[in-house]
Amino acid sequence: MGTAEETPTARARHTLDGLRRRMEAIRATGPVDHALAAGMLAMDVTDAYRAALLSRDVAAARLHAEHDWSYFALARVIHGDGAHAHRVHRAVESVTPPDGFPTPVAEAASAQADLHRAQAEVLELRALLTNTRRLAEAHISGRADPGGGWPDLGLPADPAQRVRAIAEQVRLIDSYQVALTAARNLAAASLVENAGWPVPEVAALARTSPSKVTAARDAVPGQLVSYADPGNVVEVADVLDALAGRAYTLGEMQDEAMNHLLTKGMPSAKIAALGQVPQSHVDRLRPGKSSSRPQIDRSRVRPRRTPPRHAA
């Protein structure tokens, strides 16, 4: 998946232009070498998007509190439809200080312009977030083999180096999956708590169990109300599917490389050390031994696509 030093760009400030430049630099490399950089970019765009949502909601709250804009009018600017006034109501309440805003905006026209600028940034970042997540999926999944074999994941050809490189990647995937699973569950729980979606439907959208969604609900009060978005849930679940596919593919490719090293006479203990696996796992790969790895249909290696539904 590459390292931070190998990525085409350093981790930049979370400006819209900077994030776009990073995306284009990664996209120009092709879908193989920079899965880590693409994943980090998606996380940074998520942070920038959340910050833009907060600024937008504060601008809306100021118009409501200081210039008597109705939730209906605010909803028409934010969602293009006054029918979403109830959502704006919840968002405005969540960002309004108990004693009001300390420094009122002097003119309604200025406050209105602030809201429109903030909303434009929210929409741009939301589109960028989808694109960066798709870019992360592409790099995580690698370049497909037209012949139907394993995808190109940018691994070294030498079997020993390949075994070692896969071990490093699996470690990265394990840590990334933990963080991303928590983010997926929290996004799903936020959809339940802040948008009123039923748990079973959200769990299906997130491709997880209802119990995982329910367990994350206690953490929702610390989340931005406006971040409740079914598109977020679907897109993060897509990235998790891509990670699961890569992890399975890497495991199979590592077994093949280990088997090659065994046939060349390398001791199983040394192979196990290279691959950071138990020696018993390597021994099971010897001719006549059955592998303990479950057989999975290769059609599941690449995730199925589910169109996201956005709710900026």
Protein backbone atom coordinates (compact mmCIF):
# COMPACT_ATOMS: atom_id res chain seq x y z
CA MET A 1 0.00 0.00 0.00
CA GLY A 2 3.05 2.28 0.04
CA THR A 3 4.44 4.41 2.84
CA ALA A 4 3.98 8.07 3.68
CA GLU A 5 7.44 8.80 2.22
CA GLU A 6 6.58 7.04 -1.05
CA THR A 7 3.35 8.91 -1.68
CA PRO A 8 3.28 11.46 -4.50
CA THR A 9 2.40 14.34 -2.20
CA ALA A 10 2.90 15.16 1.44
CA ARG A 11 -0.13 15.49 3.68
CA ALA A 12 -1.29 19.02 2.88
CA ARG A 13 -3.43 21.56 4.65
CA HIS A 14 -7.16 20.90 4.43
CA THR A 15 -7.92 23.58 1.84
CA LEU A 16 -10.22 22.72 -1.02
CA ASP A 17 -7.58 23.49 -3.63
CA GLY A 18 -4.91 21.58 -1.72
CA LEU A 19 -7.13 18.53 -1.37
CA ARG A 20 -7.98 18.62 -5.07
CA ARG A 21 -4.29 18.82 -6.02
CA ARG A 22 -3.54 15.80 -3.84
CA MET A 23 -6.36 13.84 -5.47
CA GLU A 24 -5.15 14.64 -8.98
CA ALA A 25 -1.57 13.70 -8.08
CA ILE A 26 -2.68 10.32 -6.76
CA ARG A 27 -5.05 9.75 -9.67
CA ALA A 28 -2.23 10.37 -12.14
CA THR A 29 -0.26 7.41 -10.73
CA GLY A 30 -2.85 4.80 -11.74
CA PRO A 31 -4.66 2.42 -9.38
CA VAL A 32 -1.79 0.45 -7.89
CA ASP A 33 0.87 2.11 -5.79
CA HIS A 34 -0.73 4.66 -3.50
CA ALA A 35 -3.56 3.03 -1.58
CA LEU A 36 -2.28 4.45 1.72
CA ALA A 37 -2.06 8.00 0.35
CA ALA A 38 -5.55 7.70 -1.16
CA GLY A 39 -6.97 6.48 2.14
CA MET A 40 -5.31 9.32 4.06
CA LEU A 41 -6.67 11.81 1.53
CA ALA A 42 -10.22 10.49 2.00
CA MET A 43 -9.82 10.93 5.76
CA ASP A 44 -8.57 14.51 5.33
CA VAL A 45 -11.43 15.39 2.99
CA THR A 46 -13.83 13.96 5.57
CA ASP A 47 -12.35 16.28 8.19
CA ALA A 48 -12.63 19.29 5.86
CA TYR A 49 -16.21 18.36 4.97
CA ARG A 50 -17.22 18.16 8.61
CA ALA A 51 -15.65 21.58 9.25
CA ALA A 52 -17.56 23.03 6.29
CA LEU A 53 -20.82 21.55 7.55
CA LEU A 54 -20.25 23.15 10.94
CA SER A 55 -19.53 26.56 9.37
CA ARG A 56 -22.66 26.23 7.20
CA ASP A 57 -24.84 25.31 10.17
CA VAL A 58 -23.48 28.21 12.24
CA ALA A 59 -24.21 30.61 9.38
CA ALA A 60 -27.75 29.26 9.22
CA ALA A 61 -28.14 29.53 12.99
CA ARG A 62 -27.05 33.18 12.90
CA LEU A 63 -29.61 34.02 10.23
CA HIS A 64 -32.29 32.34 12.31
CA ALA A 65 -31.30 33.88 15.64
CA GLU A 66 -30.32 37.36 14.53
CA HIS A 67 -32.38 38.00 11.39
CA ASP A 68 -35.48 35.86 11.96
CA TRP A 69 -35.00 33.55 9.01
CA SER A 70 -37.42 30.63 9.22
CA TYR A 71 -36.30 27.02 9.10
CA PHE A 72 -38.31 26.70 5.89
CA ALA A 73 -36.30 29.50 4.24
CA LEU A 74 -33.03 28.06 5.48
CA ALA A 75 -33.98 24.61 4.19
CA ARG A 76 -34.57 26.03 0.72
CA VAL A 77 -30.99 27.35 0.66
CA ILE A 78 -29.40 24.26 2.23
CA HIS A 79 -31.46 21.43 0.75
CA GLY A 80 -33.29 23.14 -2.10
CA ASP A 81 -36.61 22.21 -0.51
CA GLY A 82 -38.46 23.70 2.45
CA ALA A 83 -39.76 20.24 3.32
CA HIS A 84 -36.42 19.63 5.06
CA ALA A 85 -37.10 22.37 7.61
CA HIS A 86 -37.16 19.80 10.43
CA ARG A 87 -33.59 18.74 9.60
CA VAL A 88 -32.40 22.34 9.57
CA HIS A 89 -34.17 22.90 12.90
CA ARG A 90 -32.17 20.10 14.51
CA ALA A 91 -28.91 21.28 12.98
CA VAL A 92 -29.43 24.90 14.03
CA GLU A 93 -30.35 23.96 17.58
CA SER A 94 -27.24 21.80 17.87
CA VAL A 95 -24.83 24.65 17.05
CA THR A 96 -26.55 27.60 18.73
CA PRO A 97 -24.87 28.58 22.05
CA PRO A 98 -27.24 28.57 25.07
CA ASP A 99 -26.76 32.34 25.51
CA GLY A 100 -26.80 33.14 21.81
CA PHE A 101 -23.93 34.25 19.59
CA PRO A 102 -21.65 36.76 21.32
CA THR A 103 -20.98 38.93 18.25
CA PRO A 104 -24.04 39.41 16.02
CA VAL A 105 -23.65 39.85 12.26
CA ALA A 106 -24.60 43.46 11.58
CA GLU A 107 -26.41 43.12 8.27
CA ALA A 108 -28.79 40.44 7.07
CA ALA A 109 -27.34 40.62 3.54
CA SER A 110 -23.87 39.85 4.88
CA ALA A 111 -25.16 36.94 6.95
CA GLN A 112 -27.07 35.59 3.94
CA ALA A 113 -23.94 35.80 1.78
CA ASP A 114 -22.03 33.87 4.46
CA LEU A 115 -24.61 31.08 4.31
CA HIS A 116 -24.50 30.85 0.53
CA ARG A 117 -20.68 30.74 0.51
CA ALA A 118 -20.64 28.09 3.22
CA GLN A 119 -23.25 26.00 1.41
CA ALA A 120 -21.28 26.16 -1.84
CA GLU A 121 -18.18 24.87 -0.01
CA VAL A 122 -20.20 22.05 1.58
CA LEU A 123 -21.42 20.90 -1.84
CA GLU A 124 -17.93 21.05 -3.36
CA LEU A 125 -16.40 19.09 -0.50
CA ARG A 126 -19.21 16.51 -0.53
CA ALA A 127 -18.57 15.78 -4.19
CA LEU A 128 -14.82 15.68 -3.55
CA LEU A 129 -15.38 13.27 -0.66
CA THR A 130 -17.19 10.81 -2.93
CA ASN A 131 -14.43 11.09 -5.53
CA THR A 132 -11.62 10.55 -3.02
CA ARG A 133 -13.34 7.53 -1.53
CA ARG A 134 -13.74 6.05 -5.01
CA LEU A 135 -10.07 6.80 -5.65
CA ALA A 136 -9.15 5.00 -2.43
CA GLU A 137 -11.22 2.00 -3.52
CA ALA A 138 -9.46 1.91 -6.88
CA HIS A 139 -5.99 1.90 -5.33
CA ILE A 140 -6.98 -0.59 -2.63
CA SER A 141 -8.46 -2.96 -5.24
CA GLY A 142 -5.51 -2.63 -7.62
CA ARG A 143 -5.41 -3.01 -11.39
CA ALA A 144 -7.56 -5.89 -12.59
CA ASP A 145 -5.94 -8.71 -14.55
CA PRO A 146 -7.68 -9.07 -17.95
CA GLY A 147 -6.88 -12.77 -17.82
CA GLY A 148 -8.88 -13.27 -14.63
CA GLY A 149 -5.92 -13.76 -12.30
CA TRP A 150 -5.09 -11.83 -9.15
CA PRO A 151 -5.12 -8.03 -9.53
CA ASP A 152 -1.88 -6.07 -9.72
CA LEU A 153 -1.22 -4.68 -6.23
CA GLY A 154 2.25 -3.34 -6.96
CA LEU A 155 4.04 -6.16 -5.14
CA PRO A 156 7.66 -7.17 -5.81
CA ALA A 157 8.17 -10.15 -8.09
CA ASP A 158 10.79 -11.87 -5.89
CA PRO A 159 8.90 -14.40 -3.70
CA ALA A 160 10.78 -13.59 -0.47
CA GLN A 161 10.35 -9.86 -0.93
CA ARG A 162 6.72 -10.41 -1.83
CA VAL A 163 6.05 -12.40 1.35
CA ARG A 164 7.64 -9.64 3.45
CA ALA A 165 5.81 -6.83 1.60
CA ILE A 166 2.46 -8.58 2.03
CA ALA A 167 3.05 -8.97 5.76
CA GLU A 168 3.61 -5.21 6.06
CA GLN A 169 0.49 -4.44 4.04
CA VAL A 170 -1.68 -6.81 6.07
CA ARG A 171 -0.60 -4.99 9.23
CA LEU A 172 -1.64 -1.66 7.73
CA ILE A 173 -4.95 -3.06 6.53
CA ASP A 174 -5.75 -4.47 9.96
CA SER A 175 -5.29 -1.08 11.64
CA TYR A 176 -7.12 0.80 8.90
CA GLN A 177 -10.04 -1.63 9.03
CA VAL A 178 -10.45 -1.10 12.77
CA ALA A 179 -10.59 2.69 12.40
CA LEU A 180 -12.82 2.59 9.32
CA THR A 181 -15.23 0.07 10.84
CA ALA A 182 -15.69 2.35 13.84
CA ALA A 183 -16.29 5.30 11.50
CA ARG A 184 -18.81 3.28 9.48
CA ASN A 185 -20.70 2.18 12.60
CA LEU A 186 -20.76 5.74 13.95
CA ALA A 187 -22.00 7.13 10.65
CA ALA A 188 -24.74 4.49 10.65
CA ALA A 189 -25.72 5.23 14.25
CA SER A 190 -25.80 8.95 13.46
CA LEU A 191 -28.30 8.22 10.70
CA VAL A 192 -30.50 6.52 13.29
CA GLU A 193 -30.17 9.17 16.00
CA ASN A 194 -30.07 12.35 13.93
CA ALA A 195 -32.14 11.46 10.88
CA GLY A 196 -34.65 8.97 12.30
CA TRP A 197 -33.77 5.99 10.11
CA PRO A 198 -34.72 2.55 11.49
CA VAL A 199 -31.83 0.43 12.76
CA PRO A 200 -32.49 -2.61 10.48
CA GLU A 201 -32.48 -0.45 7.34
CA VAL A 202 -29.33 1.38 8.36
CA ALA A 203 -27.59 -1.90 9.24
CA ALA A 204 -28.40 -3.24 5.77
CA LEU A 205 -27.08 -0.04 4.20
CA ALA A 206 -23.87 -0.33 6.22
CA ARG A 207 -23.57 -4.08 5.56
CA THR A 208 -23.22 -4.84 9.24
CA SER A 209 -25.38 -6.19 12.07
CA PRO A 210 -28.03 -4.12 13.87
CA SER A 211 -26.18 -4.77 17.13
CA LYS A 212 -23.07 -2.99 15.79
CA VAL A 213 -25.16 0.05 14.87
CA THR A 214 -26.89 0.06 18.24
CA ALA A 215 -23.60 -0.22 20.09
CA ALA A 216 -22.33 2.95 18.38
CA ARG A 217 -25.36 5.07 19.30
CA ASP A 218 -23.90 6.22 22.63
CA ALA A 219 -21.13 8.06 20.75
CA VAL A 220 -23.50 9.97 18.45
CA PRO A 221 -24.09 13.00 20.73
CA GLY A 222 -20.51 14.08 20.05
CA GLN A 223 -21.11 14.08 16.28
CA LEU A 224 -22.28 16.89 14.04
CA VAL A 225 -26.01 16.54 13.38
CA SER A 226 -25.66 17.42 9.69
CA TYR A 227 -23.15 14.61 9.10
CA ALA A 228 -26.04 12.12 9.19
CA ASP A 229 -26.01 11.06 5.54
CA PRO A 230 -26.85 7.68 3.98
CA GLY A 231 -24.25 8.36 1.30
CA ASN A 232 -21.53 8.47 3.95
CA VAL A 233 -22.60 5.09 5.29
CA VAL A 234 -22.61 3.46 1.86
CA GLU A 235 -19.31 4.96 0.75
CA VAL A 236 -17.40 3.99 3.89
CA ALA A 237 -18.86 0.48 3.62
CA ASP A 238 -17.62 0.33 0.02
CA VAL A 239 -14.08 1.18 1.13
CA LEU A 240 -14.31 -1.50 3.82
CA ASP A 241 -15.38 -4.02 1.17
CA ALA A 242 -12.37 -3.05 -0.93
CA LEU A 243 -10.09 -3.54 2.09
CA ALA A 244 -11.60 -6.95 2.81
CA GLY A 245 -11.05 -7.92 -0.83
CA ARG A 246 -7.44 -6.78 -0.72
CA ALA A 247 -6.80 -8.62 2.54
CA TYR A 248 -8.14 -11.86 1.06
CA THR A 249 -6.18 -11.42 -2.16
CA LEU A 250 -2.96 -10.67 -0.26
CA GLY A 251 -3.43 -13.77 1.87
CA GLU A 252 -3.79 -15.98 -1.18
CA MET A 253 -0.84 -14.34 -2.96
CA GLN A 254 1.30 -14.71 0.15
CA ASP A 255 0.45 -18.41 0.38
CA GLU A 256 1.45 -18.87 -3.27
CA ALA A 257 4.77 -17.11 -2.67
CA MET A 258 5.42 -19.12 0.50
CA ASN A 259 4.68 -22.33 -1.35
CA HIS A 260 7.19 -21.30 -4.01
CA LEU A 261 9.84 -20.68 -1.33
CA LEU A 262 9.13 -24.09 0.20
CA THR A 263 9.65 -25.81 -3.14
CA LYS A 264 12.98 -23.98 -3.47
CA GLY A 265 14.09 -25.40 -0.11
CA MET A 266 13.80 -22.37 2.17
CA PRO A 267 13.17 -23.50 5.80
CA SER A 268 9.60 -23.00 6.95
CA ALA A 269 10.75 -21.11 10.06
CA LYS A 270 12.46 -18.50 7.89
CA ILE A 271 9.43 -18.21 5.63
CA ALA A 272 7.18 -17.76 8.67
CA ALA A 273 9.43 -14.97 9.95
CA LEU A 274 9.27 -13.21 6.58
CA GLY A 275 5.51 -13.49 6.45
CA GLN A 276 4.90 -12.78 10.15
CA VAL A 277 2.73 -15.89 10.42
CA PRO A 278 2.97 -19.00 12.63
CA GLN A 279 5.30 -21.70 11.32
CA SER A 280 2.36 -24.12 11.45
CA HIS A 281 0.67 -22.02 8.76
CA VAL A 282 3.67 -22.43 6.45
CA ASP A 283 3.91 -26.16 7.18
CA ARG A 284 0.31 -26.62 6.07
CA LEU A 285 1.29 -25.31 2.64
CA ARG A 286 3.65 -28.22 1.97
CA PRO A 287 2.59 -30.66 -0.76
CA GLY A 288 0.01 -33.07 0.58
CA LYS A 289 -1.10 -30.69 3.33
CA SER A 290 -4.44 -28.87 3.19
CA SER A 291 -4.44 -25.11 3.71
CA SER A 292 -6.40 -23.76 6.65
CA ARG A 293 -7.41 -20.69 4.65
CA PRO A 294 -11.15 -20.79 3.81
CA GLN A 295 -11.95 -20.94 0.13
CA ILE A 296 -13.75 -17.77 -0.94
CA ASP A 297 -15.39 -17.12 -4.28
CA ARG A 298 -13.09 -14.77 -6.19
CA SER A 299 -16.13 -12.86 -7.43
CA ARG A 300 -16.29 -11.38 -3.93
CA VAL A 301 -12.80 -9.91 -4.13
CA ARG A 302 -14.06 -6.74 -5.80
CA PRO A 303 -16.95 -5.08 -3.92
CA ARG A 304 -20.42 -4.73 -5.35
CA ARG A 305 -21.42 -1.15 -6.07
CA THR A 306 -24.32 0.46 -4.23
CA PRO A 307 -25.26 3.96 -5.39
CA PRO A 308 -24.88 6.45 -2.51
CA ARG A 309 -27.66 8.77 -1.49
CA HIS A 310 -26.36 12.16 -0.47
CA ALA A 311 -27.90 14.43 2.11
CA ALA A 312 -25.56 17.39 2.48
